[in-house]
PDB file of N, CA and C in Angstrom:
ATOM      1  N   MET A   1      98.993  97.468  81.613  1.00  0.00           N
ATOM      2  CA  MET A   1      98.923  97.275  82.668  1.00  0.00           C
ATOM      3  C   MET A   1      98.185  97.456  83.903  1.00  0.00           C
ATOM      4  N   TYR A   2      98.991  97.097  85.055  1.00  0.00           N
ATOM      5  CA  TYR A   2      97.867  97.437  86.066  1.00  0.00           C
ATOM      6  C   TYR A   2      97.920  98.855  86.557  1.00  0.00           C
ATOM      7  N   PRO A   3      96.831  99.293  87.009  1.00  0.00           N
ATOM      8  CA  PRO A   3      96.624 100.568  87.709  1.00  0.00           C
ATOM      9  C   PRO A   3      97.405 100.042  89.146  1.00  0.00           C
ATOM     10  N   HIS A   4      97.758 101.179  89.503  1.00  0.00           N
ATOM     11  CA  HIS A   4      98.408 101.608  91.433  1.00  0.00           C
ATOM     12  C   HIS A   4      97.281 101.505  91.969  1.00  0.00           C
ATOM     13  N   THR A   5      96.833 100.624  92.963  1.00  0.00           N
ATOM     14  CA  THR A   5      96.538 100.651  94.135  1.00  0.00           C
ATOM     15  C   THR A   5      97.231 100.445  95.032  1.00  0.00           C
ATOM     16  N   ASP A   6      96.661 100.928  97.008  1.00  0.00           N
ATOM     17  CA  ASP A   6      97.629 100.516  97.623  1.00  0.00           C
ATOM     18  C   ASP A   6      98.007  99.253  98.134  1.00  0.00           C
ATOM     19  N   ARG A   7      96.138  98.190  97.488  1.00  0.00           N
ATOM     20  CA  ARG A   7      97.002  96.776  97.744  1.00  0.00           C
ATOM     21  C   ARG A   7      97.573  96.409  96.818  1.00  0.00           C
ATOM     22  N   ASP A   8      98.649  97.277  95.955  1.00  0.00           N
ATOM     23  CA  ASP A   8      99.903  96.453  95.061  1.00  0.00           C
ATOM     24  C   ASP A   8     100.520  96.261  95.652  1.00  0.00           C
ATOM     25  N   HIS A   9     100.814  96.638  96.830  1.00  0.00           N
ATOM     26  CA  HIS A   9     102.129  95.531  97.332  1.00  0.00           C
ATOM     27  C   HIS A   9     101.467  94.767  98.045  1.00  0.00           C
ATOM     28  N   ASP A  10     100.427  94.314  98.346  1.00  0.00           N
ATOM     29  CA  ASP A  10     100.107  92.417  98.966  1.00  0.00           C
ATOM     30  C   ASP A  10      98.612  92.650  98.390  1.00  0.00           C
ATOM     31  N   LYS A  11      98.836  91.696  97.563  1.00  0.00           N
ATOM     32  CA  LYS A  11      97.664  91.618  96.590  1.00  0.00           C
ATOM     33  C   LYS A  11      95.962  90.766  97.563  1.00  0.00           C
ATOM     34  N   THR A  12      97.181  89.806  98.241  1.00  0.00           N
ATOM     35  CA  THR A  12      96.217  88.765  98.672  1.00  0.00           C
ATOM     36  C   THR A  12      96.170  88.524 100.084  1.00  0.00           C
ATOM     37  N   GLY A  13      97.155  89.294 101.152  1.00  0.00           N
ATOM     38  CA  GLY A  13      97.249  88.741 102.330  1.00  0.00           C
ATOM     39  C   GLY A  13      98.885  88.983 102.566  1.00  0.00           C
ATOM     40  N   SER A  14      99.535  88.373 103.292  1.00  0.00           N
ATOM     41  CA  SER A  14     101.029  88.421 103.808  1.00  0.00           C
ATOM     42  C   SER A  14     101.292  87.741 103.173  1.00  0.00           C
ATOM     43  N   ASP A  15     103.051  87.798 102.652  1.00  0.00           N
ATOM     44  CA  ASP A  15     103.646  86.672 101.913  1.00  0.00           C
ATOM     45  C   ASP A  15     103.266  85.461 102.794  1.00  0.00           C
ATOM     46  N   GLU A  16     103.279  85.358 103.889  1.00  0.00           N
ATOM     47  CA  GLU A  16     103.445  84.335 104.402  1.00  0.00           C
ATOM     48  C   GLU A  16     102.232  83.556 103.969  1.00  0.00           C
ATOM     49  N   GLN A  17     101.350  84.097 104.173  1.00  0.00           N
ATOM     50  CA  GLN A  17     100.046  83.341 103.553  1.00  0.00           C
ATOM     51  C   GLN A  17      99.909  82.806 102.088  1.00  0.00           C
ATOM     52  N   SER A  18     100.672  83.481 101.276  1.00  0.00           N
ATOM     53  CA  SER A  18     100.631  82.870  99.743  1.00  0.00           C
ATOM     54  C   SER A  18     101.803  82.336  99.708  1.00  0.00           C
ATOM     55  N   ALA A  19     101.114  81.392  98.556  1.00  0.00           N
ATOM     56  CA  ALA A  19     101.858  80.072  98.109  1.00  0.00           C
ATOM     57  C   ALA A  19     103.266  80.777  97.032  1.00  0.00           C
ATOM     58  N   VAL A  20     101.985  82.098  96.285  1.00  0.00           N
ATOM     59  CA  VAL A  20     103.085  82.363  95.568  1.00  0.00           C
ATOM     60  C   VAL A  20     103.452  84.176  95.689  1.00  0.00           C
ATOM     61  N   VAL A  21     104.573  84.744  95.249  1.00  0.00           N
ATOM     62  CA  VAL A  21     105.012  86.089  95.768  1.00  0.00           C
ATOM     63  C   VAL A  21     105.176  86.519  94.195  1.00  0.00           C
ATOM     64  N   VAL A  22     105.358  87.393  93.875  1.00  0.00           N
ATOM     65  CA  VAL A  22     105.403  87.890  92.120  1.00  0.00           C
ATOM     66  C   VAL A  22     106.375  89.388  93.021  1.00  0.00           C
ATOM     67  N   TYR A  23     107.879  89.317  92.849  1.00  0.00           N
ATOM     68  CA  TYR A  23     108.725  90.907  92.641  1.00  0.00           C
ATOM     69  C   TYR A  23     108.759  91.227  91.169  1.00  0.00           C
ATOM     70  N   GLY A  24     108.587  92.821  91.508  1.00  0.00           N
ATOM     71  CA  GLY A  24     108.606  93.089  90.263  1.00  0.00           C
ATOM     72  C   GLY A  24     108.227  94.796  90.313  1.00  0.00           C
ATOM     73  N   THR A  25     108.274  95.458  89.026  1.00  0.00           N
ATOM     74  CA  THR A  25     107.606  96.566  88.795  1.00  0.00           C
ATOM     75  C   THR A  25     106.147  97.077  88.140  1.00  0.00           C
ATOM     76  N   ARG A  26     105.724  97.835  88.213  1.00  0.00           N
ATOM     77  CA  ARG A  26     104.459  98.490  87.453  1.00  0.00           C
ATOM     78  C   ARG A  26     104.680  98.424  86.076  1.00  0.00           C
ATOM     79  N   TRP A  27     106.049  99.402  85.881  1.00  0.00           N
ATOM     80  CA  TRP A  27     106.078  99.317  84.388  1.00  0.00           C
ATOM     81  C   TRP A  27     106.745  97.867  83.989  1.00  0.00           C
ATOM     82  N   CYS A  28     107.389  97.303  84.350  1.00  0.00           N
ATOM     83  CA  CYS A  28     107.927  96.291  83.681  1.00  0.00           C
ATOM     84  C   CYS A  28     107.038  95.345  82.721  1.00  0.00           C
ATOM     85  N   ALA A  29     107.009  95.229  81.621  1.00  0.00           N
ATOM     86  CA  ALA A  29     106.199  94.355  80.799  1.00  0.00           C
ATOM     87  C   ALA A  29     105.934  92.992  81.737  1.00  0.00           C
ATOM     88  N   ALA A  30     107.168  92.237  81.149  1.00  0.00           N
ATOM     89  CA  ALA A  30     107.217  90.656  81.773  1.00  0.00           C
ATOM     90  C   ALA A  30     106.594  90.800  83.170  1.00  0.00           C
ATOM     91  N   THR A  31     106.769  91.611  83.848  1.00  0.00           N
ATOM     92  CA  THR A  31     106.328  91.274  85.640  1.00  0.00           C
ATOM     93  C   THR A  31     104.764  91.308  85.022  1.00  0.00           C
ATOM     94  N   GLN A  32     104.090  92.190  84.431  1.00  0.00           N
ATOM     95  CA  GLN A  32     102.716  92.254  84.134  1.00  0.00           C
ATOM     96  C   GLN A  32     102.173  91.144  83.093  1.00  0.00           C
ATOM     97  N   LEU A  33     103.006  90.849  82.437  1.00  0.00           N
ATOM     98  CA  LEU A  33     102.617  89.483  81.797  1.00  0.00           C
ATOM     99  C   LEU A  33     102.658  88.265  82.865  1.00  0.00           C
ATOM    100  N   VAL A  34     103.653  88.428  83.719  1.00  0.00           N
ATOM    101  CA  VAL A  34     103.095  87.113  84.980  1.00  0.00           C
ATOM    102  C   VAL A  34     102.175  87.402  85.781  1.00  0.00           C
ATOM    103  N   ARG A  35     101.536  88.383  85.994  1.00  0.00           N
ATOM    104  CA  ARG A  35     100.928  89.075  86.964  1.00  0.00           C
ATOM    105  C   ARG A  35      99.130  88.698  85.981  1.00  0.00           C
ATOM    106  N   ARG A  36      99.428  88.412  84.735  1.00  0.00           N
ATOM    107  CA  ARG A  36      98.823  88.626  83.538  1.00  0.00           C
ATOM    108  C   ARG A  36      97.613  87.020  83.961  1.00  0.00           C
ATOM    109  N   TYR A  37      99.170  86.625  83.795  1.00  0.00           N
ATOM    110  CA  TYR A  37      99.335  84.712  83.801  1.00  0.00           C
ATOM    111  C   TYR A  37      98.662  84.291  84.940  1.00  0.00           C
ATOM    112  N   LEU A  38      99.028  84.772  85.966  1.00  0.00           N
ATOM    113  CA  LEU A  38      98.173  84.088  87.635  1.00  0.00           C
ATOM    114  C   LEU A  38      96.682  84.254  87.425  1.00  0.00           C
ATOM    115  N   ASP A  39      96.301  85.854  87.296  1.00  0.00           N
ATOM    116  CA  ASP A  39      95.488  86.259  87.252  1.00  0.00           C
ATOM    117  C   ASP A  39      94.149  85.352  86.477  1.00  0.00           C
ATOM    118  N   ARG A  40      94.762  85.123  85.327  1.00  0.00           N
ATOM    119  CA  ARG A  40      93.963  84.341  84.015  1.00  0.00           C
ATOM    120  C   ARG A  40      93.781  82.859  85.070  1.00  0.00           C
ATOM    121  N   TYR A  41      94.696  82.013  85.714  1.00  0.00           N
ATOM    122  CA  TYR A  41      94.654  80.775  85.917  1.00  0.00           C
ATOM    123  C   TYR A  41      94.081  81.163  87.298  1.00  0.00           C
ATOM    124  N   GLY A  42      93.699  82.145  88.140  1.00  0.00           N
ATOM    125  CA  GLY A  42      93.018  82.329  89.096  1.00  0.00           C
ATOM    126  C   GLY A  42      94.094  81.577  90.199  1.00  0.00           C
ATOM    127  N   ILE A  43      95.032  82.181  90.310  1.00  0.00           N
ATOM    128  CA  ILE A  43      96.088  81.417  90.985  1.00  0.00           C
ATOM    129  C   ILE A  43      96.360  82.806  92.147  1.00  0.00           C
ATOM    130  N   GLN A  44      96.315  82.925  93.536  1.00  0.00           N
ATOM    131  CA  GLN A  44      95.850  83.949  94.477  1.00  0.00           C
ATOM    132  C   GLN A  44      97.811  84.558  94.228  1.00  0.00           C
ATOM    133  N   TYR A  45      98.170  85.261  94.684  1.00  0.00           N
ATOM    134  CA  TYR A  45      99.270  85.959  94.747  1.00  0.00           C
ATOM    135  C   TYR A  45      99.906  86.850  95.371  1.00  0.00           C
ATOM    136  N   ALA A  46     100.791  87.305  96.395  1.00  0.00           N
ATOM    137  CA  ALA A  46     101.173  88.425  96.947  1.00  0.00           C
ATOM    138  C   ALA A  46     102.057  89.091  95.903  1.00  0.00           C
ATOM    139  N   TYR A  47     101.818  90.345  95.829  1.00  0.00           N
ATOM    140  CA  TYR A  47     102.791  91.227  94.591  1.00  0.00           C
ATOM    141  C   TYR A  47     103.760  92.383  95.718  1.00  0.00           C
ATOM    142  N   ARG A  48     104.855  92.868  95.491  1.00  0.00           N
ATOM    143  CA  ARG A  48     105.718  93.190  95.978  1.00  0.00           C
ATOM    144  C   ARG A  48     106.523  94.122  95.003  1.00  0.00           C
ATOM    145  N   ASP A  49     105.871  95.305  94.756  1.00  0.00           N
ATOM    146  CA  ASP A  49     106.497  96.339  93.665  1.00  0.00           C
ATOM    147  C   ASP A  49     108.332  96.936  94.487  1.00  0.00           C
ATOM    148  N   LEU A  50     109.214  96.549  93.756  1.00  0.00           N
ATOM    149  CA  LEU A  50     110.410  96.580  94.203  1.00  0.00           C
ATOM    150  C   LEU A  50     110.975  97.954  93.711  1.00  0.00           C
ATOM    151  N   ASP A  51     110.217  99.395  93.533  1.00  0.00           N
ATOM    152  CA  ASP A  51     110.142 100.628  93.229  1.00  0.00           C
ATOM    153  C   ASP A  51     109.726 100.953  94.479  1.00  0.00           C
ATOM    154  N   ARG A  52     108.957 100.633  95.064  1.00  0.00           N
ATOM    155  CA  ARG A  52     107.895 101.119  96.303  1.00  0.00           C
ATOM    156  C   ARG A  52     108.863 100.276  98.097  1.00  0.00           C
ATOM    157  N   ASP A  53     109.471  99.238  97.604  1.00  0.00           N
ATOM    158  CA  ASP A  53     109.248  98.098  98.959  1.00  0.00           C
ATOM    159  C   ASP A  53     111.017  97.760  98.916  1.00  0.00           C
ATOM    160  N   ARG A  54     111.339  98.178  99.727  1.00  0.00           N
ATOM    161  CA  ARG A  54     113.112  98.443  99.927  1.00  0.00           C
ATOM    162  C   ARG A  54     113.473  97.620 100.200  1.00  0.00           C
ATOM    163  N   GLU A  55     112.553  96.600 101.284  1.00  0.00           N
ATOM    164  CA  GLU A  55     113.097  95.295 101.659  1.00  0.00           C
ATOM    165  C   GLU A  55     113.209  94.080 100.862  1.00  0.00           C
ATOM    166  N   ALA A  56     112.119  94.623  99.887  1.00  0.00           N
ATOM    167  CA  ALA A  56     111.736  93.605  98.922  1.00  0.00           C
ATOM    168  C   ALA A  56     112.717  93.420  97.779  1.00  0.00           C
ATOM    169  N   ALA A  57     113.115  94.708  97.457  1.00  0.00           N
ATOM    170  CA  ALA A  57     114.341  94.605  96.660  1.00  0.00           C
ATOM    171  C   ALA A  57     115.511  94.289  96.874  1.00  0.00           C
ATOM    172  N   GLU A  58     115.692  94.241  98.421  1.00  0.00           N
ATOM    173  CA  GLU A  58     117.327  93.887  98.871  1.00  0.00           C
ATOM    174  C   GLU A  58     117.381  92.239  98.861  1.00  0.00           C
ATOM    175  N   GLN A  59     115.668  91.900  99.162  1.00  0.00           N
ATOM    176  CA  GLN A  59     115.885  90.235  98.874  1.00  0.00           C
ATOM    177  C   GLN A  59     116.017  89.465  97.365  1.00  0.00           C
ATOM    178  N   VAL A  60     115.564  90.562  96.855  1.00  0.00           N
ATOM    179  CA  VAL A  60     115.680  89.928  94.957  1.00  0.00           C
ATOM    180  C   VAL A  60     117.511  89.965  95.270  1.00  0.00           C
ATOM    181  N   ARG A  61     117.932  91.140  95.492  1.00  0.00           N
ATOM    182  CA  ARG A  61     119.802  91.024  94.867  1.00  0.00           C
ATOM    183  C   ARG A  61     120.038  90.136  96.065  1.00  0.00           C
ATOM    184  N   TRP A  62     119.481  89.902  96.795  1.00  0.00           N
ATOM    185  CA  TRP A  62     120.296  88.525  97.590  1.00  0.00           C
ATOM    186  C   TRP A  62     120.139  87.317  96.827  1.00  0.00           C
ATOM    187  N   TRP A  63     119.007  87.148  96.269  1.00  0.00           N
ATOM    188  CA  TRP A  63     118.831  85.643  95.446  1.00  0.00           C
ATOM    189  C   TRP A  63     119.567  85.751  94.330  1.00  0.00           C
ATOM    190  N   THR A  64     119.672  86.823  93.635  1.00  0.00           N
ATOM    191  CA  THR A  64     120.180  87.101  92.329  1.00  0.00           C
ATOM    192  C   THR A  64     121.484  87.310  92.100  1.00  0.00           C
ATOM    193  N   GLY A  65     122.647  87.729  93.578  1.00  0.00           N
ATOM    194  CA  GLY A  65     123.455  88.377  93.661  1.00  0.00           C
ATOM    195  C   GLY A  65     124.265  89.430  93.525  1.00  0.00           C
ATOM    196  N   GLY A  66     122.858  90.386  93.252  1.00  0.00           N
ATOM    197  CA  GLY A  66     123.340  91.471  93.606  1.00  0.00           C
ATOM    198  C   GLY A  66     122.560  92.321  92.231  1.00  0.00           C
ATOM    199  N   PHE A  67     121.252  91.308  91.591  1.00  0.00           N
ATOM    200  CA  PHE A  67     120.897  91.956  90.465  1.00  0.00           C
ATOM    201  C   PHE A  67     119.393  92.543  90.879  1.00  0.00           C
ATOM    202  N   LEU A  68     118.808  93.412  90.392  1.00  0.00           N
ATOM    203  CA  LEU A  68     117.356  93.371  90.643  1.00  0.00           C
ATOM    204  C   LEU A  68     116.613  93.193  89.378  1.00  0.00           C
ATOM    205  N   SER A  69     116.887  91.961  89.555  1.00  0.00           N
ATOM    206  CA  SER A  69     116.019  91.254  88.522  1.00  0.00           C
ATOM    207  C   SER A  69     114.094  90.988  88.553  1.00  0.00           C
ATOM    208  N   HIS A  70     113.572  91.226  87.592  1.00  0.00           N
ATOM    209  CA  HIS A  70     112.130  91.334  87.402  1.00  0.00           C
ATOM    210  C   HIS A  70     111.492  91.215  86.387  1.00  0.00           C
ATOM    211  N   PRO A  71     110.803  90.012  86.411  1.00  0.00           N
ATOM    212  CA  PRO A  71     110.056  89.703  87.232  1.00  0.00           C
ATOM    213  C   PRO A  71     111.012  88.246  88.211  1.00  0.00           C
ATOM    214  N   THR A  72     110.906  88.423  89.348  1.00  0.00           N
ATOM    215  CA  THR A  72     111.464  87.229  89.931  1.00  0.00           C
ATOM    216  C   THR A  72     109.898  86.709  91.319  1.00  0.00           C
ATOM    217  N   VAL A  73     109.997  85.382  90.854  1.00  0.00           N
ATOM    218  CA  VAL A  73     108.684  84.781  91.677  1.00  0.00           C
ATOM    219  C   VAL A  73     109.225  83.633  92.736  1.00  0.00           C
ATOM    220  N   GLU A  74     108.565  84.049  93.993  1.00  0.00           N
ATOM    221  CA  GLU A  74     108.716  82.999  94.653  1.00  0.00           C
ATOM    222  C   GLU A  74     107.082  81.666  94.693  1.00  0.00           C
ATOM    223  N   ILE A  75     107.864  80.201  93.991  1.00  0.00           N
ATOM    224  CA  ILE A  75     106.465  79.827  94.563  1.00  0.00           C
ATOM    225  C   ILE A  75     107.082  78.655  95.568  1.00  0.00           C
ATOM    226  N   ARG A  76     106.337  78.727  96.558  1.00  0.00           N
ATOM    227  CA  ARG A  76     106.611  77.952  98.053  1.00  0.00           C
ATOM    228  C   ARG A  76     107.995  77.703  98.161  1.00  0.00           C
ATOM    229  N   GLY A  77     108.756  78.866  98.265  1.00  0.00           N
ATOM    230  CA  GLY A  77     110.104  78.441  98.534  1.00  0.00           C
ATOM    231  C   GLY A  77     111.022  78.202  97.430  1.00  0.00           C
ATOM    232  N   GLU A  78     110.423  78.205  96.411  1.00  0.00           N
ATOM    233  CA  GLU A  78     111.024  77.958  94.872  1.00  0.00           C
ATOM    234  C   GLU A  78     111.208  79.455  94.106  1.00  0.00           C
ATOM    235  N   ILE A  79     112.559  79.581  93.714  1.00  0.00           N
ATOM    236  CA  ILE A  79     112.874  81.015  93.483  1.00  0.00           C
ATOM    237  C   ILE A  79     112.559  81.102  91.774  1.00  0.00           C
ATOM    238  N   LEU A  80     112.213  81.699  91.690  1.00  0.00           N
ATOM    239  CA  LEU A  80     112.370  81.964  89.892  1.00  0.00           C
ATOM    240  C   LEU A  80     112.376  83.250  89.146  1.00  0.00           C
ATOM    241  N   VAL A  81     113.528  83.308  88.343  1.00  0.00           N
ATOM    242  CA  VAL A  81     114.285  84.884  87.893  1.00  0.00           C
ATOM    243  C   VAL A  81     114.193  84.892  86.962  1.00  0.00           C
ATOM    244  N   GLU A  82     112.686  86.277  86.220  1.00  0.00           N
ATOM    245  CA  GLU A  82     113.025  86.377  85.087  1.00  0.00           C
ATOM    246  C   GLU A  82     112.367  85.295  84.036  1.00  0.00           C
ATOM    247  N   PRO A  83     111.582  84.424  84.906  1.00  0.00           N
ATOM    248  CA  PRO A  83     110.729  82.917  84.173  1.00  0.00           C
ATOM    249  C   PRO A  83     109.961  83.379  82.894  1.00  0.00           C
ATOM    250  N   LEU A  84     110.317  82.193  81.995  1.00  0.00           N
ATOM    251  CA  LEU A  84     109.429  81.749  81.029  1.00  0.00           C
ATOM    252  C   LEU A  84     108.289  81.748  81.262  1.00  0.00           C
ATOM    253  N   SER A  85     107.304  81.403  80.322  1.00  0.00           N
ATOM    254  CA  SER A  85     105.900  81.231  80.774  1.00  0.00           C
ATOM    255  C   SER A  85     105.823  79.407  80.967  1.00  0.00           C
ATOM    256  N   ASN A  86     106.719  79.004  80.254  1.00  0.00           N
ATOM    257  CA  ASN A  86     106.780  77.171  80.738  1.00  0.00           C
ATOM    258  C   ASN A  86     107.539  77.195  81.777  1.00  0.00           C
ATOM    259  N   GLU A  87     108.243  77.825  82.014  1.00  0.00           N
ATOM    260  CA  GLU A  87     109.077  77.516  83.316  1.00  0.00           C
ATOM    261  C   GLU A  87     108.168  78.261  85.005  1.00  0.00           C
ATOM    262  N   LEU A  88     107.647  78.944  84.551  1.00  0.00           N
ATOM    263  CA  LEU A  88     106.624  79.422  85.601  1.00  0.00           C
ATOM    264  C   LEU A  88     105.192  78.493  85.671  1.00  0.00           C
ATOM    265  N   ASN A  89     104.628  77.652  84.446  1.00  0.00           N
ATOM    266  CA  ASN A  89     104.126  76.347  84.251  1.00  0.00           C
ATOM    267  C   ASN A  89     104.381  75.720  84.985  1.00  0.00           C
ATOM    268  N   ALA A  90     105.623  74.941  84.911  1.00  0.00           N
ATOM    269  CA  ALA A  90     106.254  74.119  85.421  1.00  0.00           C
ATOM    270  C   ALA A  90     106.523  73.918  86.689  1.00  0.00           C
ATOM    271  N   ALA A  91     107.031  75.005  87.561  1.00  0.00           N
ATOM    272  CA  ALA A  91     106.771  75.234  88.330  1.00  0.00           C
ATOM    273  C   ALA A  91     105.771  75.146  89.219  1.00  0.00           C
ATOM    274  N   LEU A  92     104.143  76.293  88.606  1.00  0.00           N
ATOM    275  CA  LEU A  92     103.006  76.397  89.259  1.00  0.00           C
ATOM    276  C   LEU A  92     102.956  74.417  89.329  1.00  0.00           C
ATOM    277  N   SER A  93     102.988  73.708  88.452  1.00  0.00           N
ATOM    278  CA  SER A  93     102.442  72.691  88.322  1.00  0.00           C
ATOM    279  C   SER A  93     103.319  71.631  89.241  1.00  0.00           C
ATOM    280  N   LYS A  94     104.195  71.513  89.368  1.00  0.00           N
ATOM    281  CA  LYS A  94     104.905  70.647  90.526  1.00  0.00           C
ATOM    282  C   LYS A  94     104.846  71.024  92.013  1.00  0.00           C
ATOM    283  N   HIS A  95     103.798  72.775  92.341  1.00  0.00           N
ATOM    284  CA  HIS A  95     103.723  72.556  93.224  1.00  0.00           C
ATOM    285  C   HIS A  95     102.055  72.642  93.985  1.00  0.00           C
ATOM    286  N   GLY A  96     101.593  71.928  92.695  1.00  0.00           N
ATOM    287  CA  GLY A  96      99.898  71.415  93.053  1.00  0.00           C
ATOM    288  C   GLY A  96      99.276  72.646  92.558  1.00  0.00           C
ATOM    289  N   LEU A  97      99.420  73.681  92.103  1.00  0.00           N
ATOM    290  CA  LEU A  97      98.731  75.095  92.044  1.00  0.00           C
ATOM    291  C   LEU A  97      98.091  75.395  90.390  1.00  0.00           C
ATOM    292  N   ILE A  98      98.553  74.354  89.822  1.00  0.00           N
ATOM    293  CA  ILE A  98      97.341  74.233  88.748  1.00  0.00           C
ATOM    294  C   ILE A  98      97.007  72.926  87.755  1.00  0.00           C
TER     295      ILE A  98
END
């Protein structure tokens, strides 16, 4: 698991600057798998910790009909809720990120 740092909220800059935004929690294994996957491919992303960021949690609930599903990944406006690795790979490829 990634250690918590002050930069965990926003890994690469603002969400507006990032083509990829990961919404998740530090304790969620699936969230950490998504983050490691992106790191492995050198894809920059913003990270929003749902335990610490109320606005991010409300956004995820809005996208998912009230559920706090994590990880939720936004890739250039496309929302992936609890994506499998093949779904994540397909979306990254579709948007020219891999």
